[in-house]
Amino acid sequence: MTVAVRKKSSIPSLPSFRRKPESSASVFRWTSVYAGVAFLTLLLSCSLPRPNPLLEGPKLKSFEQAGPLTVYNRANLFDYMNGEAEAYLPFGFRLLYLNIYTTEKTDSRMVLEIYDMSTPEGATGILKKYSSESGSSIPGIGEGAWADKGIVLFRECNYFVRIFPDPSPENEVRPTMQEMLDLAQELVLLF
């Protein structure tokens, strides 16, 4: 008969701890803390939208807004320009900001149309379409400018801008080309 001899282990045995059951209030508290931290992380990681100076009506030094701002989108652009709207849509048209500005010096009135074309390529495309006729390129205004017979066109970032005399009967004094160029130079600073 053989007797098995058991050797003693040199590693002491660990004491056993009894785990205390967690209460439902404690589980709820920790779950709420984790959910709150996750929510705050998500909230703080999102950037707030930049304010749109075009919706507030651009504040310009030498010009004053003469009426309310009107905004057109893809669905209602035809209400403003029937027949011409089709030219803008293929270039990525998103919004049109329309306003009337007067000069402080002469009280002449100018129509200001600012087209959000979604991309610089869209704005460049529509500028090329309208500046292909006679007229001349104007240096120093935006990323490309053109003028001819009482109209100023320019592009800056995603925006295409048209400035021309207000055709309404309230416009007793027609703006000069220099006044329209001055308005364009002030507008470029907004973008």
N, C-alpha and C. Protein backbone atom coordinates (compact mmCIF):
# COMPACT_ATOMS: atom_id res chain seq x y z
N MET A 1 0.81 -1.15 0.00
CA MET A 1 0.00 0.00 0.00
C MET A 1 0.87 1.23 0.00
N THR A 2 0.49 2.05 -0.91
CA THR A 2 1.27 3.26 -1.04
C THR A 2 0.46 4.42 -0.48
N VAL A 3 1.13 5.19 0.19
CA VAL A 3 0.48 6.37 0.78
C VAL A 3 1.00 7.60 0.04
N ALA A 4 0.10 8.38 -0.42
CA ALA A 4 0.50 9.59 -1.12
C ALA A 4 0.74 10.69 -0.11
N VAL A 5 1.85 11.29 -0.31
CA VAL A 5 2.21 12.38 0.58
C VAL A 5 2.01 13.70 -0.20
N ARG A 6 1.33 14.51 0.42
CA ARG A 6 1.06 15.80 -0.21
C ARG A 6 2.03 16.83 0.33
N LYS A 7 2.66 17.55 -0.62
CA LYS A 7 3.59 18.58 -0.18
C LYS A 7 2.81 19.85 0.08
N LYS A 8 3.30 20.58 1.02
CA LYS A 8 2.69 21.86 1.32
C LYS A 8 3.15 22.88 0.29
N SER A 9 2.25 23.68 -0.17
CA SER A 9 2.58 24.72 -1.14
C SER A 9 3.26 25.87 -0.42
N SER A 10 4.22 26.45 -1.07
CA SER A 10 4.92 27.58 -0.47
C SER A 10 4.14 28.88 -0.66
N ILE A 11 3.12 28.87 -1.51
CA ILE A 11 2.30 30.07 -1.72
C ILE A 11 1.12 30.00 -0.77
N PRO A 12 1.02 31.06 0.02
CA PRO A 12 -0.10 31.03 0.96
C PRO A 12 -1.42 31.19 0.21
N SER A 13 -2.43 30.63 0.72
CA SER A 13 -3.74 30.75 0.08
C SER A 13 -4.32 32.13 0.40
N LEU A 14 -5.06 32.65 -0.61
CA LEU A 14 -5.67 33.97 -0.45
C LEU A 14 -6.96 33.84 0.33
N PRO A 15 -7.20 34.86 1.13
CA PRO A 15 -8.46 34.79 1.86
C PRO A 15 -9.62 34.99 0.89
N SER A 16 -10.69 34.40 1.14
CA SER A 16 -11.85 34.56 0.27
C SER A 16 -12.73 35.68 0.81
N PHE A 17 -13.12 36.57 -0.13
CA PHE A 17 -13.98 37.67 0.26
C PHE A 17 -15.35 37.40 -0.32
N ARG A 18 -16.27 37.70 0.43
CA ARG A 18 -17.64 37.58 -0.04
C ARG A 18 -18.05 38.90 -0.68
N ARG A 19 -18.56 38.81 -1.85
CA ARG A 19 -19.00 40.02 -2.53
C ARG A 19 -20.39 40.37 -2.05
N LYS A 20 -20.49 41.62 -1.68
CA LYS A 20 -21.75 42.09 -1.17
C LYS A 20 -22.65 42.43 -2.35
N PRO A 21 -23.84 41.96 -2.41
CA PRO A 21 -24.72 42.28 -3.54
C PRO A 21 -24.98 43.79 -3.60
N GLU A 22 -24.89 44.35 -4.86
CA GLU A 22 -25.11 45.78 -5.02
C GLU A 22 -26.60 46.07 -5.03
N SER A 23 -26.94 47.20 -4.46
CA SER A 23 -28.35 47.58 -4.44
C SER A 23 -28.72 48.19 -5.79
N SER A 24 -29.97 48.18 -6.10
CA SER A 24 -30.43 48.72 -7.38
C SER A 24 -30.21 50.24 -7.43
N ALA A 25 -30.23 50.90 -6.30
CA ALA A 25 -29.97 52.34 -6.27
C ALA A 25 -28.53 52.63 -6.66
N SER A 26 -27.60 51.81 -6.22
CA SER A 26 -26.19 51.99 -6.55
C SER A 26 -25.96 51.75 -8.04
N VAL A 27 -26.57 50.74 -8.60
CA VAL A 27 -26.44 50.44 -10.03
C VAL A 27 -27.01 51.60 -10.85
N PHE A 28 -28.15 52.12 -10.45
CA PHE A 28 -28.78 53.23 -11.14
C PHE A 28 -27.88 54.47 -11.09
N ARG A 29 -27.29 54.73 -9.93
CA ARG A 29 -26.43 55.89 -9.75
C ARG A 29 -25.23 55.82 -10.70
N TRP A 30 -24.54 54.68 -10.75
CA TRP A 30 -23.37 54.54 -11.61
C TRP A 30 -23.75 54.57 -13.09
N THR A 31 -24.86 53.99 -13.44
CA THR A 31 -25.32 54.03 -14.82
C THR A 31 -25.62 55.48 -15.23
N SER A 32 -26.23 56.23 -14.33
CA SER A 32 -26.54 57.63 -14.61
C SER A 32 -25.27 58.45 -14.78
N VAL A 33 -24.27 58.19 -13.96
CA VAL A 33 -23.00 58.92 -14.07
C VAL A 33 -22.35 58.63 -15.42
N TYR A 34 -22.28 57.36 -15.82
CA TYR A 34 -21.68 57.01 -17.11
C TYR A 34 -22.45 57.62 -18.27
N ALA A 35 -23.77 57.60 -18.20
CA ALA A 35 -24.60 58.18 -19.26
C ALA A 35 -24.40 59.69 -19.32
N GLY A 36 -24.30 60.35 -18.18
CA GLY A 36 -24.07 61.80 -18.15
C GLY A 36 -22.73 62.17 -18.74
N VAL A 37 -21.70 61.42 -18.40
CA VAL A 37 -20.36 61.69 -18.95
C VAL A 37 -20.37 61.48 -20.46
N ALA A 38 -21.02 60.43 -20.93
CA ALA A 38 -21.09 60.17 -22.37
C ALA A 38 -21.85 61.29 -23.08
N PHE A 39 -22.95 61.76 -22.49
CA PHE A 39 -23.73 62.85 -23.08
C PHE A 39 -22.93 64.14 -23.15
N LEU A 40 -22.25 64.50 -22.07
CA LEU A 40 -21.44 65.72 -22.06
C LEU A 40 -20.28 65.64 -23.06
N THR A 41 -19.67 64.49 -23.17
CA THR A 41 -18.59 64.31 -24.15
C THR A 41 -19.13 64.52 -25.56
N LEU A 42 -20.28 63.94 -25.85
CA LEU A 42 -20.89 64.11 -27.16
C LEU A 42 -21.27 65.56 -27.41
N LEU A 43 -21.86 66.20 -26.42
CA LEU A 43 -22.30 67.58 -26.55
C LEU A 43 -21.13 68.52 -26.76
N LEU A 44 -20.06 68.35 -26.00
CA LEU A 44 -18.91 69.23 -26.10
C LEU A 44 -18.07 68.96 -27.34
N SER A 45 -18.19 67.78 -27.92
CA SER A 45 -17.41 67.49 -29.12
C SER A 45 -18.06 68.08 -30.37
N CYS A 46 -19.33 68.44 -30.30
CA CYS A 46 -20.01 69.06 -31.43
C CYS A 46 -19.71 70.56 -31.41
N SER A 47 -19.39 71.12 -32.57
CA SER A 47 -19.14 72.55 -32.62
C SER A 47 -20.46 73.26 -32.89
N LEU A 48 -20.57 74.44 -32.35
CA LEU A 48 -21.77 75.24 -32.56
C LEU A 48 -21.70 75.87 -33.94
N PRO A 49 -22.85 76.04 -34.59
CA PRO A 49 -22.82 76.65 -35.92
C PRO A 49 -22.39 78.11 -35.82
N ARG A 50 -21.65 78.55 -36.84
CA ARG A 50 -21.24 79.95 -36.88
C ARG A 50 -22.44 80.80 -37.23
N PRO A 51 -22.54 81.99 -36.66
CA PRO A 51 -23.64 82.87 -37.05
C PRO A 51 -23.47 83.30 -38.50
N ASN A 52 -24.56 83.46 -39.19
CA ASN A 52 -24.54 83.83 -40.59
C ASN A 52 -24.75 85.35 -40.70
N PRO A 53 -23.69 86.11 -41.05
CA PRO A 53 -23.84 87.56 -41.13
C PRO A 53 -24.82 87.98 -42.23
N LEU A 54 -25.05 87.12 -43.20
CA LEU A 54 -25.98 87.47 -44.27
C LEU A 54 -27.43 87.49 -43.78
N LEU A 55 -27.75 86.64 -42.82
CA LEU A 55 -29.11 86.62 -42.29
C LEU A 55 -29.39 87.80 -41.38
N GLU A 56 -28.35 88.33 -40.77
CA GLU A 56 -28.51 89.48 -39.90
C GLU A 56 -28.57 90.78 -40.69
N GLY A 57 -28.25 90.73 -41.95
CA GLY A 57 -28.15 91.94 -42.77
C GLY A 57 -26.79 92.53 -42.55
N PRO A 58 -25.93 92.48 -43.56
CA PRO A 58 -24.57 92.97 -43.38
C PRO A 58 -24.54 94.42 -42.91
N LYS A 59 -23.73 94.70 -41.91
CA LYS A 59 -23.55 96.06 -41.41
C LYS A 59 -22.36 96.64 -42.16
N LEU A 60 -22.64 97.62 -43.00
CA LEU A 60 -21.62 98.20 -43.85
C LEU A 60 -21.38 99.66 -43.45
N LYS A 61 -20.17 100.14 -43.69
CA LYS A 61 -19.80 101.50 -43.26
C LYS A 61 -20.53 102.59 -44.03
N SER A 62 -20.48 102.54 -45.33
CA SER A 62 -20.99 103.63 -46.16
C SER A 62 -22.35 103.37 -46.78
N PHE A 63 -22.97 102.27 -46.41
CA PHE A 63 -24.24 101.88 -47.02
C PHE A 63 -25.24 101.49 -45.95
N GLU A 64 -26.50 101.70 -46.26
CA GLU A 64 -27.56 101.38 -45.31
C GLU A 64 -28.58 100.46 -45.98
N GLN A 65 -29.03 99.48 -45.23
CA GLN A 65 -30.04 98.55 -45.72
C GLN A 65 -31.35 99.31 -45.88
N ALA A 66 -31.99 99.20 -47.05
CA ALA A 66 -33.19 99.98 -47.34
C ALA A 66 -34.47 99.16 -47.27
N GLY A 67 -34.40 97.91 -46.90
CA GLY A 67 -35.59 97.09 -46.83
C GLY A 67 -35.29 95.77 -46.16
N PRO A 68 -36.29 94.94 -46.02
CA PRO A 68 -36.06 93.65 -45.37
C PRO A 68 -35.27 92.69 -46.27
N LEU A 69 -34.55 91.82 -45.65
CA LEU A 69 -33.81 90.78 -46.36
C LEU A 69 -34.80 89.72 -46.82
N THR A 70 -34.66 89.29 -48.07
CA THR A 70 -35.47 88.20 -48.60
C THR A 70 -34.53 87.06 -48.95
N VAL A 71 -34.89 85.84 -48.55
CA VAL A 71 -34.06 84.67 -48.82
C VAL A 71 -34.86 83.71 -49.69
N TYR A 72 -34.24 83.27 -50.78
CA TYR A 72 -34.85 82.30 -51.69
C TYR A 72 -34.03 81.01 -51.66
N ASN A 73 -34.72 79.89 -51.84
CA ASN A 73 -34.04 78.58 -51.90
C ASN A 73 -34.34 77.94 -53.26
N ARG A 74 -33.94 76.69 -53.40
CA ARG A 74 -34.14 75.99 -54.69
C ARG A 74 -35.61 75.88 -55.07
N ALA A 75 -36.48 75.78 -54.08
CA ALA A 75 -37.90 75.58 -54.36
C ALA A 75 -38.60 76.87 -54.81
N ASN A 76 -38.15 78.03 -54.30
CA ASN A 76 -38.88 79.26 -54.63
C ASN A 76 -38.05 80.28 -55.42
N LEU A 77 -36.88 79.89 -55.91
CA LEU A 77 -36.06 80.81 -56.70
C LEU A 77 -36.81 81.29 -57.94
N PHE A 78 -37.67 80.45 -58.50
CA PHE A 78 -38.43 80.82 -59.70
C PHE A 78 -39.41 81.96 -59.41
N ASP A 79 -39.79 82.16 -58.14
CA ASP A 79 -40.65 83.28 -57.77
C ASP A 79 -39.93 84.61 -57.98
N TYR A 80 -38.63 84.61 -57.82
CA TYR A 80 -37.84 85.83 -57.99
C TYR A 80 -37.39 86.02 -59.44
N MET A 81 -36.92 84.98 -60.06
CA MET A 81 -36.38 85.10 -61.42
C MET A 81 -36.90 83.97 -62.30
N ASN A 82 -38.01 84.20 -62.92
CA ASN A 82 -38.59 83.19 -63.79
C ASN A 82 -37.81 83.17 -65.10
N GLY A 83 -37.32 82.02 -65.47
CA GLY A 83 -36.58 81.87 -66.71
C GLY A 83 -35.08 81.90 -66.53
N GLU A 84 -34.59 82.59 -65.53
CA GLU A 84 -33.15 82.67 -65.31
C GLU A 84 -32.69 81.69 -64.22
N ALA A 85 -33.59 81.20 -63.41
CA ALA A 85 -33.23 80.32 -62.30
C ALA A 85 -32.55 79.04 -62.76
N GLU A 86 -32.92 78.57 -63.93
CA GLU A 86 -32.33 77.33 -64.45
C GLU A 86 -30.82 77.44 -64.63
N ALA A 87 -30.32 78.64 -64.81
CA ALA A 87 -28.87 78.82 -64.99
C ALA A 87 -28.11 78.55 -63.70
N TYR A 88 -28.73 78.78 -62.56
CA TYR A 88 -28.04 78.65 -61.27
C TYR A 88 -28.07 77.23 -60.71
N LEU A 89 -29.12 76.51 -60.95
CA LEU A 89 -29.30 75.19 -60.34
C LEU A 89 -28.19 74.19 -60.68
N PRO A 90 -27.71 74.08 -61.92
CA PRO A 90 -26.66 73.11 -62.21
C PRO A 90 -25.32 73.42 -61.53
N PHE A 91 -25.14 74.66 -61.11
CA PHE A 91 -23.89 75.05 -60.46
C PHE A 91 -23.93 74.87 -58.95
N GLY A 92 -24.98 74.25 -58.42
CA GLY A 92 -25.05 73.96 -56.99
C GLY A 92 -25.74 75.03 -56.16
N PHE A 93 -26.59 75.83 -56.77
CA PHE A 93 -27.30 76.87 -56.04
C PHE A 93 -27.96 76.32 -54.78
N ARG A 94 -27.79 77.04 -53.68
CA ARG A 94 -28.42 76.66 -52.41
C ARG A 94 -29.37 77.75 -51.92
N LEU A 95 -28.88 79.00 -51.79
CA LEU A 95 -29.69 80.10 -51.28
C LEU A 95 -29.35 81.40 -52.00
N LEU A 96 -30.34 82.29 -52.07
CA LEU A 96 -30.15 83.65 -52.56
C LEU A 96 -30.56 84.60 -51.45
N TYR A 97 -29.65 85.50 -51.09
CA TYR A 97 -29.94 86.56 -50.11
C TYR A 97 -30.11 87.84 -50.93
N LEU A 98 -31.29 88.45 -50.84
CA LEU A 98 -31.62 89.61 -51.66
C LEU A 98 -31.93 90.79 -50.76
N ASN A 99 -31.32 91.94 -51.09
CA ASN A 99 -31.55 93.13 -50.31
C ASN A 99 -31.32 94.37 -51.16
N ILE A 100 -31.81 95.49 -50.67
CA ILE A 100 -31.61 96.79 -51.31
C ILE A 100 -30.75 97.62 -50.35
N TYR A 101 -29.71 98.25 -50.90
CA TYR A 101 -28.86 99.13 -50.10
C TYR A 101 -28.85 100.52 -50.72
N THR A 102 -28.75 101.54 -49.86
CA THR A 102 -28.62 102.91 -50.32
C THR A 102 -27.24 103.43 -49.89
N THR A 103 -26.75 104.39 -50.65
CA THR A 103 -25.50 105.03 -50.26
C THR A 103 -25.83 106.20 -49.35
N GLU A 104 -24.94 106.48 -48.43
CA GLU A 104 -25.16 107.61 -47.52
C GLU A 104 -24.98 108.94 -48.24
N LYS A 105 -24.12 108.97 -49.26
CA LYS A 105 -23.79 110.22 -49.95
C LYS A 105 -24.92 110.70 -50.85
N THR A 106 -25.43 109.81 -51.70
CA THR A 106 -26.37 110.24 -52.74
C THR A 106 -27.78 109.67 -52.61
N ASP A 107 -27.99 108.77 -51.69
CA ASP A 107 -29.28 108.07 -51.53
C ASP A 107 -29.66 107.23 -52.74
N SER A 108 -28.69 106.89 -53.58
CA SER A 108 -28.99 105.99 -54.69
C SER A 108 -29.21 104.59 -54.13
N ARG A 109 -30.01 103.82 -54.82
CA ARG A 109 -30.37 102.48 -54.35
C ARG A 109 -29.78 101.41 -55.27
N MET A 110 -29.26 100.34 -54.63
CA MET A 110 -28.67 99.23 -55.38
C MET A 110 -29.26 97.92 -54.91
N VAL A 111 -29.50 97.02 -55.85
CA VAL A 111 -29.94 95.67 -55.53
C VAL A 111 -28.69 94.85 -55.25
N LEU A 112 -28.72 94.13 -54.16
CA LEU A 112 -27.61 93.25 -53.79
C LEU A 112 -28.15 91.83 -53.76
N GLU A 113 -27.61 90.99 -54.64
CA GLU A 113 -27.96 89.57 -54.69
C GLU A 113 -26.72 88.77 -54.31
N ILE A 114 -26.83 87.97 -53.26
CA ILE A 114 -25.72 87.11 -52.84
C ILE A 114 -26.20 85.68 -52.96
N TYR A 115 -25.58 84.94 -53.89
CA TYR A 115 -25.95 83.56 -54.17
C TYR A 115 -24.98 82.61 -53.46
N ASP A 116 -25.50 81.76 -52.60
CA ASP A 116 -24.69 80.70 -52.01
C ASP A 116 -24.73 79.54 -53.00
N MET A 117 -23.58 79.29 -53.63
CA MET A 117 -23.50 78.27 -54.68
C MET A 117 -22.91 76.95 -54.17
N SER A 118 -22.81 76.75 -52.89
CA SER A 118 -22.36 75.52 -52.24
C SER A 118 -20.86 75.28 -52.32
N THR A 119 -20.23 75.58 -53.46
CA THR A 119 -18.80 75.34 -53.62
C THR A 119 -18.16 76.51 -54.37
N PRO A 120 -16.85 76.69 -54.19
CA PRO A 120 -16.17 77.72 -54.99
C PRO A 120 -16.26 77.45 -56.50
N GLU A 121 -16.27 76.18 -56.88
CA GLU A 121 -16.39 75.83 -58.29
C GLU A 121 -17.74 76.26 -58.86
N GLY A 122 -18.81 76.10 -58.07
CA GLY A 122 -20.13 76.55 -58.51
C GLY A 122 -20.19 78.05 -58.68
N ALA A 123 -19.60 78.78 -57.72
CA ALA A 123 -19.57 80.24 -57.81
C ALA A 123 -18.74 80.70 -59.00
N THR A 124 -17.63 80.04 -59.25
CA THR A 124 -16.79 80.38 -60.40
C THR A 124 -17.53 80.10 -61.71
N GLY A 125 -18.25 78.99 -61.76
CA GLY A 125 -18.98 78.63 -62.98
C GLY A 125 -20.04 79.65 -63.34
N ILE A 126 -20.79 80.12 -62.36
CA ILE A 126 -21.84 81.10 -62.66
C ILE A 126 -21.23 82.46 -62.99
N LEU A 127 -20.10 82.81 -62.36
CA LEU A 127 -19.42 84.06 -62.70
C LEU A 127 -18.94 84.01 -64.15
N LYS A 128 -18.37 82.90 -64.56
CA LYS A 128 -17.90 82.76 -65.95
C LYS A 128 -19.07 82.87 -66.93
N LYS A 129 -20.20 82.30 -66.55
CA LYS A 129 -21.38 82.35 -67.44
C LYS A 129 -21.79 83.80 -67.69
N TYR A 130 -21.82 84.62 -66.65
CA TYR A 130 -22.29 85.99 -66.81
C TYR A 130 -21.22 86.97 -67.25
N SER A 131 -19.96 86.62 -67.10
CA SER A 131 -18.89 87.56 -67.47
C SER A 131 -18.27 87.23 -68.82
N SER A 132 -18.92 86.39 -69.60
CA SER A 132 -18.37 85.99 -70.89
C SER A 132 -18.60 87.02 -71.99
N GLU A 133 -19.48 87.97 -71.75
CA GLU A 133 -19.78 88.99 -72.76
C GLU A 133 -18.82 90.16 -72.58
N SER A 134 -19.16 91.29 -73.19
CA SER A 134 -18.30 92.48 -73.05
C SER A 134 -18.25 92.90 -71.58
N GLY A 135 -17.34 93.75 -71.27
CA GLY A 135 -17.12 94.18 -69.90
C GLY A 135 -15.66 93.99 -69.57
N SER A 136 -15.32 94.19 -68.33
CA SER A 136 -13.91 94.05 -67.98
C SER A 136 -13.74 93.42 -66.61
N SER A 137 -12.63 92.75 -66.46
CA SER A 137 -12.26 92.15 -65.18
C SER A 137 -11.85 93.27 -64.23
N ILE A 138 -12.21 93.14 -62.97
CA ILE A 138 -11.90 94.14 -61.97
C ILE A 138 -10.95 93.52 -60.94
N PRO A 139 -9.72 93.99 -60.84
CA PRO A 139 -8.79 93.43 -59.85
C PRO A 139 -9.10 93.96 -58.45
N GLY A 140 -8.75 93.15 -57.46
CA GLY A 140 -8.83 93.59 -56.07
C GLY A 140 -10.17 93.40 -55.38
N ILE A 141 -11.13 92.79 -56.04
CA ILE A 141 -12.43 92.52 -55.40
C ILE A 141 -12.66 91.02 -55.43
N GLY A 142 -12.63 90.42 -54.29
CA GLY A 142 -12.89 88.99 -54.17
C GLY A 142 -11.87 88.16 -54.93
N GLU A 143 -12.28 86.95 -55.26
CA GLU A 143 -11.42 86.01 -55.97
C GLU A 143 -11.64 86.08 -57.47
N GLY A 144 -12.43 87.02 -57.90
CA GLY A 144 -12.71 87.25 -59.30
C GLY A 144 -13.85 88.24 -59.40
N ALA A 145 -13.68 89.30 -60.19
CA ALA A 145 -14.74 90.31 -60.32
C ALA A 145 -14.80 90.80 -61.76
N TRP A 146 -15.98 91.29 -62.14
CA TRP A 146 -16.25 91.73 -63.50
C TRP A 146 -17.30 92.83 -63.44
N ALA A 147 -17.20 93.80 -64.32
CA ALA A 147 -18.19 94.88 -64.35
C ALA A 147 -18.49 95.26 -65.79
N ASP A 148 -19.74 95.71 -66.01
CA ASP A 148 -20.15 96.16 -67.34
C ASP A 148 -21.46 96.93 -67.23
N LYS A 149 -21.53 98.11 -67.80
CA LYS A 149 -22.77 98.88 -67.97
C LYS A 149 -23.70 98.83 -66.77
N GLY A 150 -23.21 99.17 -65.63
CA GLY A 150 -24.09 99.28 -64.47
C GLY A 150 -24.32 97.99 -63.71
N ILE A 151 -23.45 97.02 -63.84
CA ILE A 151 -23.57 95.79 -63.04
C ILE A 151 -22.17 95.38 -62.59
N VAL A 152 -22.07 94.95 -61.36
CA VAL A 152 -20.82 94.44 -60.80
C VAL A 152 -21.07 93.01 -60.36
N LEU A 153 -20.21 92.10 -60.77
CA LEU A 153 -20.27 90.70 -60.38
C LEU A 153 -18.96 90.33 -59.71
N PHE A 154 -19.03 89.53 -58.65
CA PHE A 154 -17.79 88.99 -58.10
C PHE A 154 -18.06 87.68 -57.39
N ARG A 155 -16.96 86.97 -57.16
CA ARG A 155 -17.02 85.69 -56.47
C ARG A 155 -16.07 85.72 -55.28
N GLU A 156 -16.53 85.17 -54.17
CA GLU A 156 -15.71 85.02 -52.97
C GLU A 156 -16.16 83.73 -52.29
N CYS A 157 -15.23 82.80 -52.12
CA CYS A 157 -15.51 81.48 -51.52
C CYS A 157 -16.64 80.81 -52.30
N ASN A 158 -17.73 80.46 -51.61
CA ASN A 158 -18.87 79.78 -52.24
C ASN A 158 -19.92 80.76 -52.78
N TYR A 159 -19.63 82.05 -52.71
CA TYR A 159 -20.64 83.05 -53.01
C TYR A 159 -20.40 83.75 -54.35
N PHE A 160 -21.48 83.94 -55.07
CA PHE A 160 -21.50 84.74 -56.29
C PHE A 160 -22.38 85.94 -55.98
N VAL A 161 -21.89 87.15 -56.28
CA VAL A 161 -22.60 88.37 -55.91
C VAL A 161 -22.86 89.22 -57.14
N ARG A 162 -24.10 89.74 -57.22
CA ARG A 162 -24.47 90.68 -58.29
C ARG A 162 -24.95 91.97 -57.63
N ILE A 163 -24.46 93.09 -58.13
CA ILE A 163 -24.87 94.41 -57.65
C ILE A 163 -25.27 95.23 -58.88
N PHE A 164 -26.47 95.81 -58.83
CA PHE A 164 -26.94 96.62 -59.95
C PHE A 164 -27.93 97.66 -59.43
N PRO A 165 -28.21 98.72 -60.21
CA PRO A 165 -29.14 99.75 -59.77
C PRO A 165 -30.53 99.18 -59.53
N ASP A 166 -31.17 99.68 -58.50
CA ASP A 166 -32.54 99.26 -58.19
C ASP A 166 -33.47 99.76 -59.29
N PRO A 167 -34.20 98.84 -59.97
CA PRO A 167 -35.06 99.27 -61.07
C PRO A 167 -36.40 99.86 -60.62
N SER A 168 -36.68 99.86 -59.33
CA SER A 168 -37.99 100.33 -58.85
C SER A 168 -38.11 101.85 -58.98
N PRO A 169 -39.34 102.36 -59.05
CA PRO A 169 -39.55 103.80 -59.21
C PRO A 169 -39.05 104.63 -58.02
N GLU A 170 -38.86 104.00 -56.84
CA GLU A 170 -38.36 104.75 -55.67
C GLU A 170 -36.92 105.20 -55.86
N ASN A 171 -36.21 104.58 -56.80
CA ASN A 171 -34.81 104.89 -57.02
C ASN A 171 -34.72 106.12 -57.93
N GLU A 172 -34.67 107.30 -57.32
CA GLU A 172 -34.62 108.54 -58.09
C GLU A 172 -33.21 108.83 -58.59
N VAL A 173 -32.20 108.37 -57.83
CA VAL A 173 -30.81 108.63 -58.19
C VAL A 173 -30.14 107.30 -58.49
N ARG A 174 -29.62 107.16 -59.69
CA ARG A 174 -28.93 105.92 -60.06
C ARG A 174 -27.54 105.92 -59.44
N PRO A 175 -27.11 104.75 -58.93
CA PRO A 175 -25.76 104.69 -58.35
C PRO A 175 -24.70 104.76 -59.44
N THR A 176 -23.56 105.31 -59.08
CA THR A 176 -22.44 105.33 -60.02
C THR A 176 -21.74 103.97 -59.97
N MET A 177 -20.91 103.72 -60.97
CA MET A 177 -20.13 102.48 -60.99
C MET A 177 -19.22 102.44 -59.76
N GLN A 178 -18.66 103.59 -59.38
CA GLN A 178 -17.77 103.62 -58.22
C GLN A 178 -18.52 103.25 -56.94
N GLU A 179 -19.77 103.69 -56.79
CA GLU A 179 -20.55 103.33 -55.60
C GLU A 179 -20.80 101.82 -55.55
N MET A 180 -21.07 101.22 -56.70
CA MET A 180 -21.29 99.77 -56.72
C MET A 180 -20.00 99.02 -56.43
N LEU A 181 -18.88 99.53 -56.93
CA LEU A 181 -17.58 98.90 -56.63
C LEU A 181 -17.24 99.05 -55.14
N ASP A 182 -17.57 100.20 -54.56
CA ASP A 182 -17.33 100.40 -53.12
C ASP A 182 -18.17 99.42 -52.29
N LEU A 183 -19.42 99.21 -52.70
CA LEU A 183 -20.26 98.23 -52.00
C LEU A 183 -19.65 96.84 -52.11
N ALA A 184 -19.17 96.48 -53.28
CA ALA A 184 -18.54 95.16 -53.47
C ALA A 184 -17.32 95.02 -52.58
N GLN A 185 -16.49 96.04 -52.48
CA GLN A 185 -15.29 95.97 -51.65
C GLN A 185 -15.62 95.81 -50.18
N GLU A 186 -16.68 96.45 -49.72
CA GLU A 186 -17.09 96.28 -48.32
C GLU A 186 -17.66 94.89 -48.07
N LEU A 187 -18.38 94.36 -49.04
CA LEU A 187 -18.99 93.04 -48.88
C LEU A 187 -17.95 91.92 -48.80
N VAL A 188 -16.88 92.04 -49.55
CA VAL A 188 -15.85 90.99 -49.57
C VAL A 188 -15.34 90.71 -48.15
N LEU A 189 -15.33 91.71 -47.30
CA LEU A 189 -14.83 91.55 -45.94
C LEU A 189 -15.73 90.65 -45.09
N LEU A 190 -16.97 90.44 -45.49
CA LEU A 190 -17.91 89.61 -44.73
C LEU A 190 -17.63 88.12 -44.87
N PHE A 191 -17.05 87.72 -45.98
CA PHE A 191 -16.92 86.29 -46.28
C PHE A 191 -15.67 85.73 -45.68
